[in-house]
Amino acid sequence: MANKNNRNNNQNMTVQEAGRKGGEATSRNHDREFYEEIGRKGGEASSGNNNQGNNNNNNNGGKMSREEAGRKGGEASSRRNNNNNNNNN
């Protein structure tokens, strides 16, 4: 079986390259609010309780909630897009 992280003879992109390109395209097409919203929805869906707040004192083993991950991802994308826009001027 071929390794998905290596290019094959047809020079198709790797799974990592496809993910990176998809993430870059998404960050160009959506703003911070988009990432916050999908993070919030993911957090609600995974919590099983929509009334549970974003509480870092829950027994999550130190893992970040999906909502928090979405928020941080949105902030990082926003900073990246702002930096790219500033560099292009």
Foldseek 3Di string as FASTA:
>chain_A
DDDQCDADPVRDHGPVVVVVVVVLVVLVVDALVVLLVVLLVQQCVVVVHNPDDLDCPDPPVNDHRSNRVSNVVRVVSNVVVVVVVVVVD
